[in-house]
Amino acid sequence: MLVNPASVIPDNNSIVNTTSINTPISCPVTLLPEVDHGCEINGNTIDCIPKDSSFYKLITDLKQLLSGKGLSNDDIDIEKVKQLMNDYKSDEIDWKHLALHDNSRNYSRNGIINLNGNANLLILVWSPGKSSAIHDHADAHCCMKILSGELIEHLYEVPDHEGDQLKIKKETTLKRDVVGYINDSIGLHKISNPLEDQVSVSLHLYTPPYAALYGCSMYESGTGKKHHVDMSKYYSWQGKLINDRESSSC
C-alpha cells in the first residue's frame, strides 16, 4: 500500500488524536495513538525500530534488494524477497507498537515504510473470526508473513467472465513465521483469522505498490462481480493513527 507517500500520508498536524483504541483483551497491541514512540511521518525512512533488531535488518535488506528506479514486476527477484521474509523470526518487541487495531473492523492496515517507491511494507491486524473480501492484487507481487496467531488463505480461480461463480482452488492454513505468496496469475484470495479469541497479525510486502496507486478489485463470491476499491488510506503510519474512520480495506 506509496510511490509518493506524501500524497496520502498527512503531516503531524493532521494526525488523529484519540484517547483510546478499541482492541480485544487478547490483542497483542499495546500502543495508544497519543503516545510518542519517536516515529516520524515519513514515507521512506523509519526511526521507531531499534537499529540492532532483526526487524530493522529485514527492512534494510528489502530496501537494498528493491533499489533502483521504477522497478516492474519482471525486475523483482521475488524468490529473494520471500527468503528475506522467511529468515526473519517474529518478535513482538520489534513490531507491536506499529500494529494498531480497531476491533470494530475486520482488519486494520498499518503502513510501515515505502521502499524506494518500489514496494510498500504493512502490518495487518485481523479481528477474531473475521476475514477480508475476495480480492486481486492489482498485478503486483504480494508476500505475507504471519507474525502472530494464524490465518487461512482461500485461493480462487480468476473467473473467465464477470458474473461467473468463483471456484475455490485451495485452502491453506498459515501459522506463525510462515510466508505466503500470491500474484494475479496464481488467482484471487480471501484471508481469514480462524481464531475466535485473539487477533492475528501479518506482515505484507506489495511490490510494485500498484494497489496504493490504482486500487484493487474485490469480488462477490456468488456472482463473480468485481468492484474497484481505493487502497490508498492506512489506519496508521509508523505507529501513529491517521485514518480512524476512513482507512481502506477490502
C-alpha atoms as a PDB file:
ATOM      1  CA  MET A   1       0.000   0.000   0.000  1.00  0.00           C
ATOM      2  CA  LEU A   2       3.073   4.579  -1.897  1.00  0.00           C
ATOM      3  CA  VAL A   3       5.190   5.691  -4.695  1.00  0.00           C
ATOM      4  CA  ASN A   4       4.555   9.202  -3.456  1.00  0.00           C
ATOM      5  CA  PRO A   5       3.921   8.736   0.270  1.00  0.00           C
ATOM      6  CA  ALA A   6       3.384  12.439   0.840  1.00  0.00           C
ATOM      7  CA  SER A   7       0.233  12.307  -1.257  1.00  0.00           C
ATOM      8  CA  VAL A   8      -1.558  10.010   1.181  1.00  0.00           C
ATOM      9  CA  ILE A   9       0.278  10.491   4.474  1.00  0.00           C
ATOM     10  CA  PRO A  10      -0.751  13.578   6.442  1.00  0.00           C
ATOM     11  CA  ASP A  11       1.665  15.801   8.270  1.00  0.00           C
ATOM     12  CA  ASN A  12       1.923  15.744  12.054  1.00  0.00           C
ATOM     13  CA  ASN A  13      -0.710  18.461  12.447  1.00  0.00           C
ATOM     14  CA  SER A  14      -3.382  16.282  10.876  1.00  0.00           C
ATOM     15  CA  ILE A  15      -2.767  13.119  12.910  1.00  0.00           C
ATOM     16  CA  VAL A  16      -5.943  11.939  14.584  1.00  0.00           C
ATOM     17  CA  ASN A  17      -5.724  12.392  18.343  1.00  0.00           C
ATOM     18  CA  THR A  18      -7.673   9.906  20.397  1.00  0.00           C
ATOM     19  CA  THR A  19      -7.525   8.701  23.960  1.00  0.00           C
ATOM     20  CA  SER A  20      -8.197   5.025  23.412  1.00  0.00           C
ATOM     21  CA  ILE A  21      -8.129   2.325  20.809  1.00  0.00           C
ATOM     22  CA  ASN A  22     -10.649  -0.482  20.597  1.00  0.00           C
ATOM     23  CA  THR A  23      -8.767  -3.753  20.890  1.00  0.00           C
ATOM     24  CA  PRO A  24      -9.829  -7.107  22.321  1.00  0.00           C
ATOM     25  CA  ILE A  25      -8.242  -8.110  25.611  1.00  0.00           C
ATOM     26  CA  SER A  26      -6.224 -10.800  23.868  1.00  0.00           C
ATOM     27  CA  CYS A  27      -4.813  -8.345  21.326  1.00  0.00           C
ATOM     28  CA  PRO A  28      -1.013  -8.001  21.440  1.00  0.00           C
ATOM     29  CA  VAL A  29      -1.296  -4.329  20.503  1.00  0.00           C
ATOM     30  CA  THR A  30      -0.452  -2.062  23.424  1.00  0.00           C
ATOM     31  CA  LEU A  31       0.321   1.252  21.739  1.00  0.00           C
ATOM     32  CA  LEU A  32      -2.061   4.142  22.317  1.00  0.00           C
ATOM     33  CA  PRO A  33      -2.133   6.604  19.403  1.00  0.00           C
ATOM     34  CA  GLU A  34      -1.311   9.619  21.580  1.00  0.00           C
ATOM     35  CA  VAL A  35       1.908   8.036  22.885  1.00  0.00           C
ATOM     36  CA  ASP A  36       5.020   9.327  21.116  1.00  0.00           C
ATOM     37  CA  HIS A  37       7.358   6.446  20.275  1.00  0.00           C
ATOM     38  CA  GLY A  38       9.675   8.517  18.137  1.00  0.00           C
ATOM     39  CA  CYS A  39       8.173   7.601  14.768  1.00  0.00           C
ATOM     40  CA  GLU A  40       8.323  10.327  12.156  1.00  0.00           C
ATOM     41  CA  ILE A  41       5.638  10.518   9.482  1.00  0.00           C
ATOM     42  CA  ASN A  42       7.999   9.998   6.576  1.00  0.00           C
ATOM     43  CA  GLY A  43       7.447   7.562   3.757  1.00  0.00           C
ATOM     44  CA  ASN A  44      10.948   6.341   3.006  1.00  0.00           C
ATOM     45  CA  THR A  45      12.661   6.233   6.405  1.00  0.00           C
ATOM     46  CA  ILE A  46      11.767   4.695   9.729  1.00  0.00           C
ATOM     47  CA  ASP A  47      13.159   5.815  13.064  1.00  0.00           C
ATOM     48  CA  CYS A  48      10.996   3.923  15.540  1.00  0.00           C
ATOM     49  CA  ILE A  49      12.524   0.445  15.199  1.00  0.00           C
ATOM     50  CA  PRO A  50      15.774  -0.328  17.051  1.00  0.00           C
ATOM     51  CA  LYS A  51      18.609  -0.468  14.547  1.00  0.00           C
ATOM     52  CA  ASP A  52      20.075  -3.532  16.236  1.00  0.00           C
ATOM     53  CA  SER A  53      16.853  -5.549  15.789  1.00  0.00           C
ATOM     54  CA  SER A  54      16.344  -8.275  13.209  1.00  0.00           C
ATOM     55  CA  PHE A  55      13.193  -6.483  12.013  1.00  0.00           C
ATOM     56  CA  TYR A  56      15.231  -3.393  11.159  1.00  0.00           C
ATOM     57  CA  LYS A  57      17.698  -5.622   9.310  1.00  0.00           C
ATOM     58  CA  LEU A  58      14.822  -7.134   7.316  1.00  0.00           C
ATOM     59  CA  ILE A  59      13.659  -3.669   6.274  1.00  0.00           C
ATOM     60  CA  THR A  60      17.198  -2.616   5.368  1.00  0.00           C
ATOM     61  CA  ASP A  61      17.767  -5.773   3.315  1.00  0.00           C
ATOM     62  CA  LEU A  62      14.444  -5.361   1.494  1.00  0.00           C
ATOM     63  CA  LYS A  63      15.211  -1.727   0.774  1.00  0.00           C
ATOM     64  CA  GLN A  64      18.574  -2.684  -0.701  1.00  0.00           C
ATOM     65  CA  LEU A  65      17.077  -5.504  -2.759  1.00  0.00           C
ATOM     66  CA  LEU A  66      14.308  -3.281  -4.106  1.00  0.00           C
ATOM     67  CA  SER A  67      16.535  -0.363  -5.022  1.00  0.00           C
ATOM     68  CA  GLY A  68      16.531   1.142  -8.479  1.00  0.00           C
ATOM     69  CA  LYS A  69      14.097   3.418 -10.229  1.00  0.00           C
ATOM     70  CA  GLY A  70      10.626   2.303 -11.231  1.00  0.00           C
ATOM     71  CA  LEU A  71      11.007  -1.455 -10.902  1.00  0.00           C
ATOM     72  CA  SER A  72       8.472  -3.516 -12.831  1.00  0.00           C
ATOM     73  CA  ASN A  73       7.165  -6.973 -11.943  1.00  0.00           C
ATOM     74  CA  ASP A  74       9.832  -8.629 -14.074  1.00  0.00           C
ATOM     75  CA  ASP A  75      12.654  -6.688 -12.405  1.00  0.00           C
ATOM     76  CA  ILE A  76      11.875  -8.049  -8.942  1.00  0.00           C
ATOM     77  CA  ASP A  77      13.608 -11.144  -7.566  1.00  0.00           C
ATOM     78  CA  ILE A  78      10.567 -12.377  -5.695  1.00  0.00           C
ATOM     79  CA  GLU A  79      12.291 -15.555  -4.510  1.00  0.00           C
ATOM     80  CA  LYS A  80      14.877 -13.419  -2.735  1.00  0.00           C
ATOM     81  CA  VAL A  81      12.107 -11.290  -1.215  1.00  0.00           C
ATOM     82  CA  LYS A  82      10.442 -14.426   0.129  1.00  0.00           C
ATOM     83  CA  GLN A  83      13.737 -15.704   1.503  1.00  0.00           C
ATOM     84  CA  LEU A  84      14.399 -12.463   3.385  1.00  0.00           C
ATOM     85  CA  MET A  85      10.921 -12.522   4.902  1.00  0.00           C
ATOM     86  CA  ASN A  86      11.305 -16.186   5.796  1.00  0.00           C
ATOM     87  CA  ASP A  87      14.654 -15.546   7.507  1.00  0.00           C
ATOM     88  CA  TYR A  88      13.109 -13.014   9.889  1.00  0.00           C
ATOM     89  CA  LYS A  89      11.703 -14.678  13.021  1.00  0.00           C
ATOM     90  CA  SER A  90       8.823 -12.758  14.524  1.00  0.00           C
ATOM     91  CA  ASP A  91       9.424 -10.958  17.808  1.00  0.00           C
ATOM     92  CA  GLU A  92       6.553  -8.879  19.222  1.00  0.00           C
ATOM     93  CA  ILE A  93       9.015  -6.401  20.712  1.00  0.00           C
ATOM     94  CA  ASP A  94      10.020  -5.441  17.157  1.00  0.00           C
ATOM     95  CA  TRP A  95       6.599  -4.571  15.799  1.00  0.00           C
ATOM     96  CA  LYS A  96       3.795  -4.456  18.382  1.00  0.00           C
ATOM     97  CA  HIS A  97       3.934  -0.648  18.669  1.00  0.00           C
ATOM     98  CA  LEU A  98       3.308  -0.467  14.905  1.00  0.00           C
ATOM     99  CA  ALA A  99       0.309  -2.830  14.943  1.00  0.00           C
ATOM    100  CA  LEU A 100      -2.650  -0.605  15.814  1.00  0.00           C
ATOM    101  CA  HIS A 101      -6.115  -2.083  15.634  1.00  0.00           C
ATOM    102  CA  ASP A 102      -9.792  -1.241  15.915  1.00  0.00           C
ATOM    103  CA  ASN A 103     -11.756  -4.402  16.675  1.00  0.00           C
ATOM    104  CA  SER A 104     -14.899  -2.981  15.061  1.00  0.00           C
ATOM    105  CA  ARG A 105     -13.127  -3.633  11.741  1.00  0.00           C
ATOM    106  CA  ASN A 106     -12.425  -6.983  10.133  1.00  0.00           C
ATOM    107  CA  TYR A 107      -8.790  -5.911   9.929  1.00  0.00           C
ATOM    108  CA  SER A 108      -6.644  -2.790  10.210  1.00  0.00           C
ATOM    109  CA  ARG A 109      -3.913  -1.825   7.720  1.00  0.00           C
ATOM    110  CA  ASN A 110      -0.854  -0.188   9.259  1.00  0.00           C
ATOM    111  CA  GLY A 111       1.751   1.362   6.970  1.00  0.00           C
ATOM    112  CA  ILE A 112       5.385   0.754   7.942  1.00  0.00           C
ATOM    113  CA  ILE A 113       7.572   2.064   5.122  1.00  0.00           C
ATOM    114  CA  ASN A 114       7.734   2.740   1.408  1.00  0.00           C
ATOM    115  CA  LEU A 115      10.799   1.073  -0.103  1.00  0.00           C
ATOM    116  CA  ASN A 116      12.369   3.308  -2.755  1.00  0.00           C
ATOM    117  CA  GLY A 117       9.000   3.837  -4.439  1.00  0.00           C
ATOM    118  CA  ASN A 118       9.094   0.153  -5.423  1.00  0.00           C
ATOM    119  CA  ALA A 119       7.226  -1.529  -2.575  1.00  0.00           C
ATOM    120  CA  ASN A 120       5.083  -0.929   0.485  1.00  0.00           C
ATOM    121  CA  LEU A 121       5.509  -2.811   3.759  1.00  0.00           C
ATOM    122  CA  LEU A 122       2.455  -3.099   6.012  1.00  0.00           C
ATOM    123  CA  ILE A 123       1.342  -4.794   9.207  1.00  0.00           C
ATOM    124  CA  LEU A 124      -2.253  -6.045   9.209  1.00  0.00           C
ATOM    125  CA  VAL A 125      -4.118  -6.867  12.412  1.00  0.00           C
ATOM    126  CA  TRP A 126      -7.050  -9.271  11.996  1.00  0.00           C
ATOM    127  CA  SER A 127     -10.037  -9.338  14.336  1.00  0.00           C
ATOM    128  CA  PRO A 128     -11.014 -12.732  15.787  1.00  0.00           C
ATOM    129  CA  GLY A 129     -13.114 -14.763  13.364  1.00  0.00           C
ATOM    130  CA  LYS A 130     -13.051 -12.093  10.642  1.00  0.00           C
ATOM    131  CA  SER A 131     -11.809 -12.060   7.052  1.00  0.00           C
ATOM    132  CA  SER A 132     -11.066  -9.940   4.021  1.00  0.00           C
ATOM    133  CA  ALA A 133     -13.177  -9.927   0.898  1.00  0.00           C
ATOM    134  CA  ILE A 134     -12.055 -11.996  -2.083  1.00  0.00           C
ATOM    135  CA  HIS A 135      -9.641  -9.733  -3.936  1.00  0.00           C
ATOM    136  CA  ASP A 136      -6.881  -9.406  -6.506  1.00  0.00           C
ATOM    137  CA  HIS A 137      -3.515  -7.656  -6.176  1.00  0.00           C
ATOM    138  CA  ALA A 138      -3.507  -5.080  -8.984  1.00  0.00           C
ATOM    139  CA  ASP A 139      -0.895  -7.073 -10.932  1.00  0.00           C
ATOM    140  CA  ALA A 140       1.638  -6.828  -8.086  1.00  0.00           C
ATOM    141  CA  HIS A 141       3.554  -9.388  -6.047  1.00  0.00           C
ATOM    142  CA  CYS A 142       2.211  -9.938  -2.523  1.00  0.00           C
ATOM    143  CA  CYS A 143       4.295 -11.643   0.175  1.00  0.00           C
ATOM    144  CA  MET A 144       2.670 -12.250   3.551  1.00  0.00           C
ATOM    145  CA  LYS A 145       4.367 -13.455   6.747  1.00  0.00           C
ATOM    146  CA  ILE A 146       2.469 -14.455   9.873  1.00  0.00           C
ATOM    147  CA  LEU A 147       3.782 -12.517  12.867  1.00  0.00           C
ATOM    148  CA  SER A 148       1.295 -13.764  15.469  1.00  0.00           C
ATOM    149  CA  GLY A 149      -1.641 -16.176  15.560  1.00  0.00           C
ATOM    150  CA  GLU A 150      -2.651 -17.875  12.319  1.00  0.00           C
ATOM    151  CA  LEU A 151      -4.523 -17.130   9.110  1.00  0.00           C
ATOM    152  CA  ILE A 152      -6.336 -19.173   6.488  1.00  0.00           C
ATOM    153  CA  GLU A 153      -5.973 -18.407   2.795  1.00  0.00           C
ATOM    154  CA  HIS A 154      -8.760 -19.422   0.418  1.00  0.00           C
ATOM    155  CA  LEU A 155      -7.398 -19.336  -3.133  1.00  0.00           C
ATOM    156  CA  TYR A 156      -9.854 -18.844  -6.021  1.00  0.00           C
ATOM    157  CA  GLU A 157      -9.591 -19.157  -9.767  1.00  0.00           C
ATOM    158  CA  VAL A 158      -9.885 -15.883 -11.660  1.00  0.00           C
ATOM    159  CA  PRO A 159     -13.256 -16.084 -13.465  1.00  0.00           C
ATOM    160  CA  ASP A 160     -13.168 -16.136 -17.266  1.00  0.00           C
ATOM    161  CA  HIS A 161     -16.109 -13.764 -17.397  1.00  0.00           C
ATOM    162  CA  GLU A 162     -17.504 -11.320 -14.905  1.00  0.00           C
ATOM    163  CA  GLY A 163     -20.597 -12.907 -13.424  1.00  0.00           C
ATOM    164  CA  ASP A 164     -19.131 -16.416 -13.274  1.00  0.00           C
ATOM    165  CA  GLN A 165     -19.311 -18.011  -9.832  1.00  0.00           C
ATOM    166  CA  LEU A 166     -15.919 -18.142  -8.152  1.00  0.00           C
ATOM    167  CA  LYS A 167     -14.316 -21.548  -7.673  1.00  0.00           C
ATOM    168  CA  ILE A 168     -12.051 -22.400  -4.745  1.00  0.00           C
ATOM    169  CA  LYS A 169      -8.720 -23.901  -5.813  1.00  0.00           C
ATOM    170  CA  LYS A 170      -7.057 -24.398  -2.452  1.00  0.00           C
ATOM    171  CA  GLU A 171      -7.281 -23.739   1.284  1.00  0.00           C
ATOM    172  CA  THR A 172      -4.078 -23.202   3.275  1.00  0.00           C
ATOM    173  CA  THR A 173      -3.535 -22.611   6.987  1.00  0.00           C
ATOM    174  CA  LEU A 174      -0.623 -20.280   7.681  1.00  0.00           C
ATOM    175  CA  LYS A 175       0.979 -20.470  11.128  1.00  0.00           C
ATOM    176  CA  ARG A 176       3.400 -18.107  12.862  1.00  0.00           C
ATOM    177  CA  ASP A 177       6.516 -17.305  10.788  1.00  0.00           C
ATOM    178  CA  VAL A 178       5.152 -18.966   7.633  1.00  0.00           C
ATOM    179  CA  VAL A 179       5.464 -16.891   4.446  1.00  0.00           C
ATOM    180  CA  GLY A 180       2.758 -16.974   1.784  1.00  0.00           C
ATOM    181  CA  TYR A 181       2.835 -15.544  -1.728  1.00  0.00           C
ATOM    182  CA  ILE A 182       0.320 -14.618  -4.410  1.00  0.00           C
ATOM    183  CA  ASN A 183       0.043 -12.663  -7.624  1.00  0.00           C
ATOM    184  CA  ASP A 184      -2.798 -12.312 -10.090  1.00  0.00           C
ATOM    185  CA  SER A 185      -1.520 -15.131 -12.314  1.00  0.00           C
ATOM    186  CA  ILE A 186      -1.983 -17.507  -9.362  1.00  0.00           C
ATOM    187  CA  GLY A 187      -5.509 -16.377  -8.582  1.00  0.00           C
ATOM    188  CA  LEU A 188      -7.635 -14.379  -6.177  1.00  0.00           C
ATOM    189  CA  HIS A 189      -7.707 -14.945  -2.455  1.00  0.00           C
ATOM    190  CA  LYS A 190      -9.500 -14.297   0.803  1.00  0.00           C
ATOM    191  CA  ILE A 191      -7.649 -14.171   4.124  1.00  0.00           C
ATOM    192  CA  SER A 192      -9.381 -15.152   7.380  1.00  0.00           C
ATOM    193  CA  ASN A 193      -8.481 -15.267  11.052  1.00  0.00           C
ATOM    194  CA  PRO A 194      -9.879 -18.607  12.291  1.00  0.00           C
ATOM    195  CA  LEU A 195      -9.106 -17.828  15.938  1.00  0.00           C
ATOM    196  CA  GLU A 196     -12.176 -16.820  17.910  1.00  0.00           C
ATOM    197  CA  ASP A 197     -10.400 -15.460  20.987  1.00  0.00           C
ATOM    198  CA  GLN A 198      -7.435 -13.467  19.678  1.00  0.00           C
ATOM    199  CA  VAL A 199      -6.248 -11.294  16.850  1.00  0.00           C
ATOM    200  CA  SER A 200      -3.745 -12.479  14.287  1.00  0.00           C
ATOM    201  CA  VAL A 201      -1.033 -10.219  12.885  1.00  0.00           C
ATOM    202  CA  SER A 202       0.673 -10.408   9.489  1.00  0.00           C
ATOM    203  CA  LEU A 203       3.425  -8.569   7.626  1.00  0.00           C
ATOM    204  CA  HIS A 204       2.704  -7.763   3.964  1.00  0.00           C
ATOM    205  CA  LEU A 205       5.005  -6.612   1.176  1.00  0.00           C
ATOM    206  CA  TYR A 206       3.410  -5.332  -2.038  1.00  0.00           C
ATOM    207  CA  THR A 207       5.744  -4.763  -4.970  1.00  0.00           C
ATOM    208  CA  PRO A 208       5.346  -2.802  -7.164  1.00  0.00           C
ATOM    209  CA  PRO A 209       2.926  -0.776  -4.984  1.00  0.00           C
ATOM    210  CA  TYR A 210       0.182  -0.720  -7.607  1.00  0.00           C
ATOM    211  CA  ALA A 211      -2.737  -1.155  -5.196  1.00  0.00           C
ATOM    212  CA  ALA A 212      -1.878   2.061  -3.351  1.00  0.00           C
ATOM    213  CA  LEU A 213      -1.667   3.892  -6.662  1.00  0.00           C
ATOM    214  CA  TYR A 214      -4.553   2.415  -8.596  1.00  0.00           C
ATOM    215  CA  GLY A 215      -6.629   0.402  -6.119  1.00  0.00           C
ATOM    216  CA  CYS A 216      -7.558  -3.248  -6.490  1.00  0.00           C
ATOM    217  CA  SER A 217     -10.695  -5.279  -7.156  1.00  0.00           C
ATOM    218  CA  MET A 218     -12.858  -7.199  -4.717  1.00  0.00           C
ATOM    219  CA  TYR A 219     -15.147  -9.963  -5.948  1.00  0.00           C
ATOM    220  CA  GLU A 220     -18.566 -11.217  -4.914  1.00  0.00           C
ATOM    221  CA  SER A 221     -18.258 -14.939  -4.240  1.00  0.00           C
ATOM    222  CA  GLY A 222     -21.675 -15.880  -5.585  1.00  0.00           C
ATOM    223  CA  THR A 223     -21.709 -13.851  -8.783  1.00  0.00           C
ATOM    224  CA  GLY A 224     -18.067 -13.131  -9.562  1.00  0.00           C
ATOM    225  CA  LYS A 225     -18.944  -9.471  -9.937  1.00  0.00           C
ATOM    226  CA  LYS A 226     -15.991  -7.235  -9.145  1.00  0.00           C
ATOM    227  CA  HIS A 227     -15.814  -3.801  -7.573  1.00  0.00           C
ATOM    228  CA  HIS A 228     -12.936  -1.327  -7.602  1.00  0.00           C
ATOM    229  CA  VAL A 229     -11.558  -0.448  -4.143  1.00  0.00           C
ATOM    230  CA  ASP A 230      -9.341   2.507  -3.209  1.00  0.00           C
ATOM    231  CA  MET A 231      -6.474   1.110  -1.108  1.00  0.00           C
ATOM    232  CA  SER A 232      -4.504   4.318  -0.534  1.00  0.00           C
ATOM    233  CA  LYS A 233      -5.634   5.093   3.032  1.00  0.00           C
ATOM    234  CA  TYR A 234      -3.956   3.445   6.009  1.00  0.00           C
ATOM    235  CA  TYR A 235      -5.321   3.119   9.522  1.00  0.00           C
ATOM    236  CA  SER A 236      -1.927   4.135  10.895  1.00  0.00           C
ATOM    237  CA  TRP A 237       1.509   5.067   9.619  1.00  0.00           C
ATOM    238  CA  GLN A 238       4.633   4.093  11.571  1.00  0.00           C
ATOM    239  CA  GLY A 239       2.665   3.687  14.786  1.00  0.00           C
ATOM    240  CA  LYS A 240       0.548   6.837  14.572  1.00  0.00           C
ATOM    241  CA  LEU A 241      -3.189   6.766  13.910  1.00  0.00           C
ATOM    242  CA  ILE A 242      -4.006   8.757  10.776  1.00  0.00           C
ATOM    243  CA  ASN A 243      -7.369   7.458   9.475  1.00  0.00           C
ATOM    244  CA  ASP A 244      -9.587   6.205  12.276  1.00  0.00           C
ATOM    245  CA  ARG A 245     -12.771   6.256  10.176  1.00  0.00           C
ATOM    246  CA  GLU A 246     -11.826   6.223   6.510  1.00  0.00           C
ATOM    247  CA  SER A 247      -8.963   3.742   6.180  1.00  0.00           C
ATOM    248  CA  SER A 248      -9.092   1.390   3.200  1.00  0.00           C
ATOM    249  CA  SER A 249      -9.880  -2.314   3.288  1.00  0.00           C
ATOM    250  CA  CYS A 250     -11.428  -4.932   1.067  1.00  0.00           C
END
